[in-house]
Amino acid sequence: LVDQSGSMTEKLGNNVTRWDAVRTALLDTKAGFVHTLQDEVRFGLALYSSKNGSQGGATCPMLVQVPPAMSNYDAIAKVYMPAAPLDDTPSGESLSAVAAALAKDTAPGGKHIVFATDGDPDTCQDPDSSTSAAAAAAKALSVKAASDAFTMGIQTHVIGVGGTASKAHLQDVANAGAGAPAGSKTPWYEVLDTAQLGDALKKVIYGARSCVFTLDGEVAPGSESQGSVVLDGKALTYGAADGWKLNGASQVELVGAACTALQQGEPTVSIQFPCGGFNVK
């Protein structure tokens, strides 16, 4: 979910606009995350803005969306590449709309919103946040939208682009988006240059990877500890705090440091059970 407000034309670091930096980090054909991982992740896209909110005569929020799918780079690029920043920042209404669409998606796997914004929100009703009360209401609406999304099983990850948005507000959205109590310190990412942006996207996208593997059969009773789970060439210990466990007969879960390692890059995982210890479906 990418902020398409007019302030995204401001610089991120020295030479690139915030808008171009986010788009390049996602769509670059050599290192962009969507291009690189499109065969592993169901990526979708939503760009959001408004033109003077509901007072502008157009639908608010103005959303340009590409539904999530595998191998979705071409569809996303077709929409994203010609797009440009517009005007306002109706973050709360946009988060709610995107979450509602994701909630209807029946494909397997976790659902996540990567929310990239460079400013404090406004609303469709008051696109200029003309009073302090209106500004507070806009922030509250964004927090509620993230909380509602979490209730629907959708986690929101926050990236503040450029350092101009309220840190306290983005922390509140991050907490709500993770189902954490107000005042918590849920990680979110303030990025001031393209390197920080790339690091933030890497942590969010890889960190969303599940540590649970569903097997194509069932582990035979009594054979649990005979399994071999190897992460990047290192054998993990069954039942250890930083090893692996079974969730029923058909799921292996990496736990502790093993799960953390899985979510930090492109590791290889091997899971094997001996003949007689595993029943193929």
C-alpha atoms as a PDB file:
ATOM      1  CA  LEU A   1       0.000   0.000   0.000  1.00  0.00           C
ATOM      2  CA  VAL A   2       1.911   3.033  -1.297  1.00  0.00           C
ATOM      3  CA  ASP A   3       1.213   6.658  -0.415  1.00  0.00           C
ATOM      4  CA  GLN A   4       0.580   8.574  -3.663  1.00  0.00           C
ATOM      5  CA  SER A   5       0.375  12.017  -2.051  1.00  0.00           C
ATOM      6  CA  GLY A   6       2.053  15.053  -3.560  1.00  0.00           C
ATOM      7  CA  SER A   7       4.831  15.100  -0.947  1.00  0.00           C
ATOM      8  CA  MET A   8       6.203  11.843  -2.384  1.00  0.00           C
ATOM      9  CA  THR A   9       7.905  14.071  -4.991  1.00  0.00           C
ATOM     10  CA  GLU A  10      10.305  15.265  -2.289  1.00  0.00           C
ATOM     11  CA  LYS A  11      13.807  13.794  -2.161  1.00  0.00           C
ATOM     12  CA  LEU A  12      14.854  10.681  -0.281  1.00  0.00           C
ATOM     13  CA  GLY A  13      18.542  11.153   0.328  1.00  0.00           C
ATOM     14  CA  ASN A  14      20.356  13.096  -2.400  1.00  0.00           C
ATOM     15  CA  ASN A  15      19.129  12.438  -5.917  1.00  0.00           C
ATOM     16  CA  VAL A  16      15.931  10.416  -6.031  1.00  0.00           C
ATOM     17  CA  THR A  17      12.349  11.257  -5.085  1.00  0.00           C
ATOM     18  CA  ARG A  18      10.555   9.260  -2.431  1.00  0.00           C
ATOM     19  CA  TRP A  19       8.131   8.037  -5.102  1.00  0.00           C
ATOM     20  CA  ASP A  20      10.856   6.800  -7.442  1.00  0.00           C
ATOM     21  CA  ALA A  21      12.820   5.241  -4.581  1.00  0.00           C
ATOM     22  CA  VAL A  22       9.905   3.053  -3.431  1.00  0.00           C
ATOM     23  CA  ARG A  23       8.960   2.102  -6.983  1.00  0.00           C
ATOM     24  CA  THR A  24      12.537   1.180  -7.911  1.00  0.00           C
ATOM     25  CA  ALA A  25      13.032  -0.853  -4.736  1.00  0.00           C
ATOM     26  CA  LEU A  26       9.991  -2.922  -5.685  1.00  0.00           C
ATOM     27  CA  LEU A  27      10.167  -3.048  -9.491  1.00  0.00           C
ATOM     28  CA  ASP A  28      13.820  -2.838 -10.532  1.00  0.00           C
ATOM     29  CA  THR A  29      14.411  -5.785 -12.865  1.00  0.00           C
ATOM     30  CA  LYS A  30      17.770  -6.630 -11.274  1.00  0.00           C
ATOM     31  CA  ALA A  31      17.171  -6.213  -7.553  1.00  0.00           C
ATOM     32  CA  GLY A  32      13.540  -5.168  -7.034  1.00  0.00           C
ATOM     33  CA  PHE A  33      11.691  -7.292  -4.518  1.00  0.00           C
ATOM     34  CA  VAL A  34       8.618  -7.904  -6.670  1.00  0.00           C
ATOM     35  CA  HIS A  35      10.704  -8.930  -9.675  1.00  0.00           C
ATOM     36  CA  THR A  36      13.063 -11.104  -7.627  1.00  0.00           C
ATOM     37  CA  LEU A  37      10.484 -12.858  -5.448  1.00  0.00           C
ATOM     38  CA  GLN A  38       7.388 -12.981  -7.663  1.00  0.00           C
ATOM     39  CA  ASP A  39       7.621 -16.774  -7.946  1.00  0.00           C
ATOM     40  CA  GLU A  40       7.674 -17.152  -4.143  1.00  0.00           C
ATOM     41  CA  VAL A  41       5.354 -14.391  -2.900  1.00  0.00           C
ATOM     42  CA  ARG A  42       1.839 -13.421  -3.958  1.00  0.00           C
ATOM     43  CA  PHE A  43       2.416  -9.697  -4.401  1.00  0.00           C
ATOM     44  CA  GLY A  44      -0.361  -7.189  -4.967  1.00  0.00           C
ATOM     45  CA  LEU A  45      -0.359  -3.402  -5.189  1.00  0.00           C
ATOM     46  CA  ALA A  46      -2.480  -0.501  -4.023  1.00  0.00           C
ATOM     47  CA  LEU A  47      -1.629   3.157  -4.656  1.00  0.00           C
ATOM     48  CA  TYR A  48      -3.710   5.626  -2.673  1.00  0.00           C
ATOM     49  CA  SER A  49      -4.499   9.334  -2.639  1.00  0.00           C
ATOM     50  CA  SER A  50      -7.392  11.725  -3.210  1.00  0.00           C
ATOM     51  CA  LYS A  51      -8.000  15.045  -4.916  1.00  0.00           C
ATOM     52  CA  ASN A  52      -9.457  17.238  -2.200  1.00  0.00           C
ATOM     53  CA  GLY A  53     -11.115  14.269  -0.545  1.00  0.00           C
ATOM     54  CA  SER A  54     -14.832  13.744  -0.953  1.00  0.00           C
ATOM     55  CA  GLN A  55     -15.130  17.435  -1.804  1.00  0.00           C
ATOM     56  CA  GLY A  56     -13.187  16.940  -5.043  1.00  0.00           C
ATOM     57  CA  GLY A  57     -15.982  15.247  -6.948  1.00  0.00           C
ATOM     58  CA  ALA A  58     -14.110  11.946  -7.300  1.00  0.00           C
ATOM     59  CA  THR A  59     -14.292   8.770  -5.267  1.00  0.00           C
ATOM     60  CA  CYS A  60     -12.278   8.953  -2.070  1.00  0.00           C
ATOM     61  CA  PRO A  61      -9.972   7.285  -1.409  1.00  0.00           C
ATOM     62  CA  MET A  62      -8.626   7.084  -4.954  1.00  0.00           C
ATOM     63  CA  LEU A  63      -7.196   3.552  -5.080  1.00  0.00           C
ATOM     64  CA  VAL A  64      -5.369   1.891  -7.943  1.00  0.00           C
ATOM     65  CA  GLN A  65      -5.170  -1.812  -7.127  1.00  0.00           C
ATOM     66  CA  VAL A  66      -3.648  -4.976  -8.546  1.00  0.00           C
ATOM     67  CA  PRO A  67      -4.945  -8.114  -6.769  1.00  0.00           C
ATOM     68  CA  PRO A  68      -2.313 -10.410  -5.211  1.00  0.00           C
ATOM     69  CA  ALA A  69      -1.063 -13.246  -7.392  1.00  0.00           C
ATOM     70  CA  MET A  70       2.014 -15.296  -8.120  1.00  0.00           C
ATOM     71  CA  SER A  71       4.219 -14.115 -11.007  1.00  0.00           C
ATOM     72  CA  ASN A  72       2.532 -10.734 -10.760  1.00  0.00           C
ATOM     73  CA  TYR A  73       5.397  -8.442 -11.782  1.00  0.00           C
ATOM     74  CA  ASP A  74       4.100  -7.561 -15.243  1.00  0.00           C
ATOM     75  CA  ALA A  75       0.600  -6.720 -13.985  1.00  0.00           C
ATOM     76  CA  ILE A  76       1.984  -4.553 -11.169  1.00  0.00           C
ATOM     77  CA  ALA A  77       4.528  -2.806 -13.401  1.00  0.00           C
ATOM     78  CA  LYS A  78       1.846  -2.000 -15.977  1.00  0.00           C
ATOM     79  CA  VAL A  79      -0.034  -0.005 -13.339  1.00  0.00           C
ATOM     80  CA  TYR A  80       2.822   1.286 -11.176  1.00  0.00           C
ATOM     81  CA  MET A  81       5.350   2.440 -13.775  1.00  0.00           C
ATOM     82  CA  PRO A  82       3.203   5.180 -15.403  1.00  0.00           C
ATOM     83  CA  ALA A  83       1.664   6.352 -12.099  1.00  0.00           C
ATOM     84  CA  ALA A  84       2.712   9.589 -10.415  1.00  0.00           C
ATOM     85  CA  PRO A  85       2.025  11.338  -7.087  1.00  0.00           C
ATOM     86  CA  LEU A  86      -1.322  13.120  -6.833  1.00  0.00           C
ATOM     87  CA  ASP A  87      -2.494  15.063  -3.771  1.00  0.00           C
ATOM     88  CA  ASP A  88      -3.883  13.925  -0.409  1.00  0.00           C
ATOM     89  CA  THR A  89      -3.236  11.154   2.158  1.00  0.00           C
ATOM     90  CA  PRO A  90      -6.443   9.339   3.240  1.00  0.00           C
ATOM     91  CA  SER A  91      -4.500   6.560   4.973  1.00  0.00           C
ATOM     92  CA  GLY A  92      -7.243   5.261   7.247  1.00  0.00           C
ATOM     93  CA  GLU A  93      -9.863   4.852   4.544  1.00  0.00           C
ATOM     94  CA  SER A  94      -7.283   3.293   2.226  1.00  0.00           C
ATOM     95  CA  LEU A  95      -6.058   0.788   4.803  1.00  0.00           C
ATOM     96  CA  SER A  96      -9.652  -0.222   5.461  1.00  0.00           C
ATOM     97  CA  ALA A  97     -10.421  -0.702   1.764  1.00  0.00           C
ATOM     98  CA  VAL A  98      -7.305  -2.768   1.097  1.00  0.00           C
ATOM     99  CA  ALA A  99      -7.884  -4.921   4.178  1.00  0.00           C
ATOM    100  CA  ALA A 100     -11.483  -5.580   3.115  1.00  0.00           C
ATOM    101  CA  ALA A 101     -10.280  -6.741  -0.300  1.00  0.00           C
ATOM    102  CA  LEU A 102      -7.583  -8.967   1.219  1.00  0.00           C
ATOM    103  CA  ALA A 103     -10.068 -10.493   3.637  1.00  0.00           C
ATOM    104  CA  LYS A 104     -12.011 -11.858   0.660  1.00  0.00           C
ATOM    105  CA  ASP A 105      -8.906 -13.540  -0.798  1.00  0.00           C
ATOM    106  CA  THR A 106      -9.178 -17.262  -0.128  1.00  0.00           C
ATOM    107  CA  ALA A 107      -5.669 -18.291  -1.233  1.00  0.00           C
ATOM    108  CA  PRO A 108      -3.597 -20.091   1.414  1.00  0.00           C
ATOM    109  CA  GLY A 109      -0.869 -18.326   3.342  1.00  0.00           C
ATOM    110  CA  GLY A 110      -0.480 -15.312   5.604  1.00  0.00           C
ATOM    111  CA  LYS A 111      -1.796 -11.895   4.593  1.00  0.00           C
ATOM    112  CA  HIS A 112       0.264  -8.749   5.083  1.00  0.00           C
ATOM    113  CA  ILE A 113      -0.012  -5.070   4.197  1.00  0.00           C
ATOM    114  CA  VAL A 114       3.299  -3.262   3.689  1.00  0.00           C
ATOM    115  CA  PHE A 115       2.256   0.336   4.341  1.00  0.00           C
ATOM    116  CA  ALA A 116       4.695   2.898   2.895  1.00  0.00           C
ATOM    117  CA  THR A 117       3.841   6.530   3.666  1.00  0.00           C
ATOM    118  CA  ASP A 118       5.740   9.790   3.977  1.00  0.00           C
ATOM    119  CA  GLY A 119       3.300  11.953   5.893  1.00  0.00           C
ATOM    120  CA  ASP A 120       0.596  12.189   8.493  1.00  0.00           C
ATOM    121  CA  PRO A 121      -2.856  11.128   7.322  1.00  0.00           C
ATOM    122  CA  ASP A 122      -5.838  13.188   6.375  1.00  0.00           C
ATOM    123  CA  THR A 123      -9.365  11.953   5.661  1.00  0.00           C
ATOM    124  CA  CYS A 124     -11.865  12.017   2.850  1.00  0.00           C
ATOM    125  CA  GLN A 125     -14.068  14.277   4.962  1.00  0.00           C
ATOM    126  CA  ASP A 126     -11.273  16.741   5.775  1.00  0.00           C
ATOM    127  CA  PRO A 127      -8.409  16.382   3.254  1.00  0.00           C
ATOM    128  CA  ASP A 128      -6.528  19.315   4.765  1.00  0.00           C
ATOM    129  CA  SER A 129      -6.785  18.240   8.426  1.00  0.00           C
ATOM    130  CA  SER A 130      -7.811  21.841   8.979  1.00  0.00           C
ATOM    131  CA  THR A 131      -7.877  21.677  12.788  1.00  0.00           C
ATOM    132  CA  SER A 132      -5.918  19.820  15.447  1.00  0.00           C
ATOM    133  CA  ALA A 133      -9.058  17.815  16.179  1.00  0.00           C
ATOM    134  CA  ALA A 134      -9.311  16.805  12.513  1.00  0.00           C
ATOM    135  CA  ALA A 135      -5.643  15.791  12.472  1.00  0.00           C
ATOM    136  CA  ALA A 136      -6.122  13.674  15.600  1.00  0.00           C
ATOM    137  CA  ALA A 137      -9.231  12.076  14.110  1.00  0.00           C
ATOM    138  CA  ALA A 138      -7.329  11.183  10.931  1.00  0.00           C
ATOM    139  CA  LYS A 139      -4.596   9.511  12.949  1.00  0.00           C
ATOM    140  CA  ALA A 140      -7.148   7.631  15.046  1.00  0.00           C
ATOM    141  CA  LEU A 141      -8.854   6.405  11.875  1.00  0.00           C
ATOM    142  CA  SER A 142      -5.551   4.977  10.557  1.00  0.00           C
ATOM    143  CA  VAL A 143      -4.852   3.219  13.848  1.00  0.00           C
ATOM    144  CA  LYS A 144      -8.354   1.746  13.910  1.00  0.00           C
ATOM    145  CA  ALA A 145      -8.003   0.552  10.308  1.00  0.00           C
ATOM    146  CA  ALA A 146      -4.769  -1.261  11.147  1.00  0.00           C
ATOM    147  CA  SER A 147      -6.369  -2.777  14.237  1.00  0.00           C
ATOM    148  CA  ASP A 148      -9.411  -3.915  12.257  1.00  0.00           C
ATOM    149  CA  ALA A 149      -7.132  -5.475   9.631  1.00  0.00           C
ATOM    150  CA  PHE A 150      -5.321  -7.448  12.322  1.00  0.00           C
ATOM    151  CA  THR A 151      -8.684  -8.693  13.617  1.00  0.00           C
ATOM    152  CA  MET A 152      -9.304 -10.000  10.086  1.00  0.00           C
ATOM    153  CA  GLY A 153      -5.998 -11.892  10.156  1.00  0.00           C
ATOM    154  CA  ILE A 154      -3.991  -9.282   8.226  1.00  0.00           C
ATOM    155  CA  GLN A 155      -0.829  -7.787   9.696  1.00  0.00           C
ATOM    156  CA  THR A 156       0.233  -4.247   8.761  1.00  0.00           C
ATOM    157  CA  HIS A 157       3.947  -3.393   8.521  1.00  0.00           C
ATOM    158  CA  VAL A 158       4.842   0.301   8.587  1.00  0.00           C
ATOM    159  CA  ILE A 159       7.567   2.041   6.570  1.00  0.00           C
ATOM    160  CA  GLY A 160       7.916   5.786   7.107  1.00  0.00           C
ATOM    161  CA  VAL A 161       9.539   7.256   4.010  1.00  0.00           C
ATOM    162  CA  GLY A 162      11.581  10.432   4.421  1.00  0.00           C
ATOM    163  CA  GLY A 163      11.282  11.108   8.135  1.00  0.00           C
ATOM    164  CA  THR A 164       8.487  13.696   7.945  1.00  0.00           C
ATOM    165  CA  ALA A 165       5.590  11.689   9.372  1.00  0.00           C
ATOM    166  CA  SER A 166       4.888  11.664  13.098  1.00  0.00           C
ATOM    167  CA  LYS A 167       6.985   8.923  14.683  1.00  0.00           C
ATOM    168  CA  ALA A 168       4.499   8.510  17.505  1.00  0.00           C
ATOM    169  CA  HIS A 169       1.674   8.016  15.026  1.00  0.00           C
ATOM    170  CA  LEU A 170       3.545   5.463  12.915  1.00  0.00           C
ATOM    171  CA  GLN A 171       4.406   3.594  16.111  1.00  0.00           C
ATOM    172  CA  ASP A 172       0.708   3.540  16.999  1.00  0.00           C
ATOM    173  CA  VAL A 173      -0.174   2.152  13.555  1.00  0.00           C
ATOM    174  CA  ALA A 174       2.560  -0.481  13.831  1.00  0.00           C
ATOM    175  CA  ASN A 175       1.289  -1.554  17.243  1.00  0.00           C
ATOM    176  CA  ALA A 176      -2.305  -1.775  16.048  1.00  0.00           C
ATOM    177  CA  GLY A 177      -1.248  -3.587  12.883  1.00  0.00           C
ATOM    178  CA  ALA A 178       0.460  -6.283  14.946  1.00  0.00           C
ATOM    179  CA  GLY A 179      -2.285  -6.601  17.538  1.00  0.00           C
ATOM    180  CA  ALA A 180      -0.015  -5.127  20.224  1.00  0.00           C
ATOM    181  CA  PRO A 181      -1.260  -2.922  23.064  1.00  0.00           C
ATOM    182  CA  ALA A 182      -0.953   0.838  22.834  1.00  0.00           C
ATOM    183  CA  GLY A 183       2.456   1.973  24.027  1.00  0.00           C
ATOM    184  CA  SER A 184       4.231  -1.135  22.735  1.00  0.00           C
ATOM    185  CA  LYS A 185       7.421  -0.995  20.666  1.00  0.00           C
ATOM    186  CA  THR A 186       6.400  -3.041  17.631  1.00  0.00           C
ATOM    187  CA  PRO A 187       9.145  -2.668  15.008  1.00  0.00           C
ATOM    188  CA  TRP A 188       8.514  -0.199  12.214  1.00  0.00           C
ATOM    189  CA  TYR A 189      10.986   1.400   9.838  1.00  0.00           C
ATOM    190  CA  GLU A 190      11.888   5.039   9.253  1.00  0.00           C
ATOM    191  CA  VAL A 191      13.930   5.256   6.042  1.00  0.00           C
ATOM    192  CA  LEU A 192      15.991   8.291   5.064  1.00  0.00           C
ATOM    193  CA  ASP A 193      17.790   6.930   1.997  1.00  0.00           C
ATOM    194  CA  THR A 194      17.497   4.146  -0.555  1.00  0.00           C
ATOM    195  CA  ALA A 195      19.768   1.774   1.366  1.00  0.00           C
ATOM    196  CA  GLN A 196      17.577   2.000   4.469  1.00  0.00           C
ATOM    197  CA  LEU A 197      14.495   1.514   2.296  1.00  0.00           C
ATOM    198  CA  GLY A 198      15.913  -1.677   0.805  1.00  0.00           C
ATOM    199  CA  ASP A 199      16.850  -2.990   4.252  1.00  0.00           C
ATOM    200  CA  ALA A 200      13.368  -2.249   5.595  1.00  0.00           C
ATOM    201  CA  LEU A 201      11.610  -4.003   2.719  1.00  0.00           C
ATOM    202  CA  LYS A 202      13.913  -7.000   3.083  1.00  0.00           C
ATOM    203  CA  LYS A 203      13.155  -7.310   6.801  1.00  0.00           C
ATOM    204  CA  VAL A 204       9.412  -6.958   6.255  1.00  0.00           C
ATOM    205  CA  ILE A 205       9.094  -9.318   3.284  1.00  0.00           C
ATOM    206  CA  TYR A 206      11.424 -12.024   4.539  1.00  0.00           C
ATOM    207  CA  GLY A 207      10.119 -11.596   8.078  1.00  0.00           C
ATOM    208  CA  ALA A 208       6.615 -12.446   6.886  1.00  0.00           C
ATOM    209  CA  ARG A 209       7.811 -15.885   5.792  1.00  0.00           C
ATOM    210  CA  SER A 210       6.134 -18.679   7.737  1.00  0.00           C
ATOM    211  CA  CYS A 211       8.309 -21.014   9.800  1.00  0.00           C
ATOM    212  CA  VAL A 212       5.741 -23.800   9.400  1.00  0.00           C
ATOM    213  CA  PHE A 213       6.123 -26.416   6.650  1.00  0.00           C
ATOM    214  CA  THR A 214       3.188 -28.628   5.707  1.00  0.00           C
ATOM    215  CA  LEU A 215       4.340 -32.114   4.730  1.00  0.00           C
ATOM    216  CA  ASP A 216       2.854 -34.221   1.927  1.00  0.00           C
ATOM    217  CA  GLY A 217       2.139 -37.028   4.357  1.00  0.00           C
ATOM    218  CA  GLU A 218       2.198 -37.906   8.047  1.00  0.00           C
ATOM    219  CA  VAL A 219       5.011 -38.749  10.445  1.00  0.00           C
ATOM    220  CA  ALA A 220       4.428 -42.186  11.911  1.00  0.00           C
ATOM    221  CA  PRO A 221       3.876 -42.300  15.692  1.00  0.00           C
ATOM    222  CA  GLY A 222       7.172 -42.840  17.499  1.00  0.00           C
ATOM    223  CA  SER A 223       9.274 -41.580  14.561  1.00  0.00           C
ATOM    224  CA  GLU A 224       9.197 -37.898  15.425  1.00  0.00           C
ATOM    225  CA  SER A 225      12.771 -37.653  16.713  1.00  0.00           C
ATOM    226  CA  GLN A 226      14.108 -39.631  13.751  1.00  0.00           C
ATOM    227  CA  GLY A 227      13.461 -36.765  11.386  1.00  0.00           C
ATOM    228  CA  SER A 228      16.283 -34.695   9.937  1.00  0.00           C
ATOM    229  CA  VAL A 229      15.747 -30.952   9.516  1.00  0.00           C
ATOM    230  CA  VAL A 230      18.706 -29.053   8.048  1.00  0.00           C
ATOM    231  CA  LEU A 231      18.838 -25.256   7.687  1.00  0.00           C
ATOM    232  CA  ASP A 232      21.623 -23.902   5.463  1.00  0.00           C
ATOM    233  CA  GLY A 233      23.659 -27.044   6.019  1.00  0.00           C
ATOM    234  CA  LYS A 234      23.231 -27.029   9.803  1.00  0.00           C
ATOM    235  CA  ALA A 235      21.261 -29.856  11.413  1.00  0.00           C
ATOM    236  CA  LEU A 236      18.583 -28.656  13.817  1.00  0.00           C
ATOM    237  CA  THR A 237      17.614 -30.488  16.986  1.00  0.00           C
ATOM    238  CA  TYR A 238      14.119 -31.871  17.463  1.00  0.00           C
ATOM    239  CA  GLY A 239      12.417 -30.355  20.516  1.00  0.00           C
ATOM    240  CA  ALA A 240      15.142 -27.752  21.131  1.00  0.00           C
ATOM    241  CA  ALA A 241      14.276 -24.109  21.799  1.00  0.00           C
ATOM    242  CA  ASP A 242      16.201 -23.089  18.667  1.00  0.00           C
ATOM    243  CA  GLY A 243      15.441 -26.187  16.627  1.00  0.00           C
ATOM    244  CA  TRP A 244      12.232 -27.686  15.308  1.00  0.00           C
ATOM    245  CA  LYS A 245       9.029 -29.332  16.459  1.00  0.00           C
ATOM    246  CA  LEU A 246       6.047 -31.148  15.027  1.00  0.00           C
ATOM    247  CA  ASN A 247       2.583 -29.592  15.000  1.00  0.00           C
ATOM    248  CA  GLY A 248       0.545 -32.740  14.640  1.00  0.00           C
ATOM    249  CA  ALA A 249       1.643 -35.401  12.179  1.00  0.00           C
ATOM    250  CA  SER A 250       1.891 -33.228   9.066  1.00  0.00           C
ATOM    251  CA  GLN A 251       3.580 -29.977  10.061  1.00  0.00           C
ATOM    252  CA  VAL A 252       7.181 -29.167  10.902  1.00  0.00           C
ATOM    253  CA  GLU A 253       7.827 -25.805  12.567  1.00  0.00           C
ATOM    254  CA  LEU A 254      11.189 -24.120  13.003  1.00  0.00           C
ATOM    255  CA  VAL A 255      11.374 -22.304  16.338  1.00  0.00           C
ATOM    256  CA  GLY A 256      13.549 -19.767  18.111  1.00  0.00           C
ATOM    257  CA  ALA A 257      16.792 -18.819  16.384  1.00  0.00           C
ATOM    258  CA  ALA A 258      16.064 -21.269  13.553  1.00  0.00           C
ATOM    259  CA  CYS A 259      12.880 -19.407  12.655  1.00  0.00           C
ATOM    260  CA  THR A 260      14.693 -16.069  12.896  1.00  0.00           C
ATOM    261  CA  ALA A 261      17.398 -17.302  10.519  1.00  0.00           C
ATOM    262  CA  LEU A 262      14.750 -18.530   8.080  1.00  0.00           C
ATOM    263  CA  GLN A 263      13.230 -15.056   7.985  1.00  0.00           C
ATOM    264  CA  GLN A 264      16.459 -13.162   7.276  1.00  0.00           C
ATOM    265  CA  GLY A 265      17.400 -14.122   3.738  1.00  0.00           C
ATOM    266  CA  GLU A 266      17.229 -16.961   1.238  1.00  0.00           C
ATOM    267  CA  PRO A 267      18.203 -20.063   3.233  1.00  0.00           C
ATOM    268  CA  THR A 268      17.802 -23.667   2.127  1.00  0.00           C
ATOM    269  CA  VAL A 269      15.758 -26.110   4.194  1.00  0.00           C
ATOM    270  CA  SER A 270      15.781 -29.882   3.984  1.00  0.00           C
ATOM    271  CA  ILE A 271      13.277 -32.087   5.837  1.00  0.00           C
ATOM    272  CA  GLN A 272      13.620 -35.868   5.755  1.00  0.00           C
ATOM    273  CA  PHE A 273      12.197 -38.831   7.634  1.00  0.00           C
ATOM    274  CA  PRO A 274      13.382 -42.454   7.325  1.00  0.00           C
ATOM    275  CA  CYS A 275      11.531 -45.136   5.393  1.00  0.00           C
ATOM    276  CA  GLY A 276       8.804 -46.535   7.588  1.00  0.00           C
ATOM    277  CA  GLY A 277       8.695 -43.362   9.632  1.00  0.00           C
ATOM    278  CA  PHE A 278       6.652 -41.364   7.158  1.00  0.00           C
ATOM    279  CA  ASN A 279       3.417 -42.177   5.396  1.00  0.00           C
ATOM    280  CA  VAL A 280       2.955 -40.402   2.073  1.00  0.00           C
ATOM    281  CA  LYS A 281      -0.570 -39.256   1.336  1.00  0.00           C
END
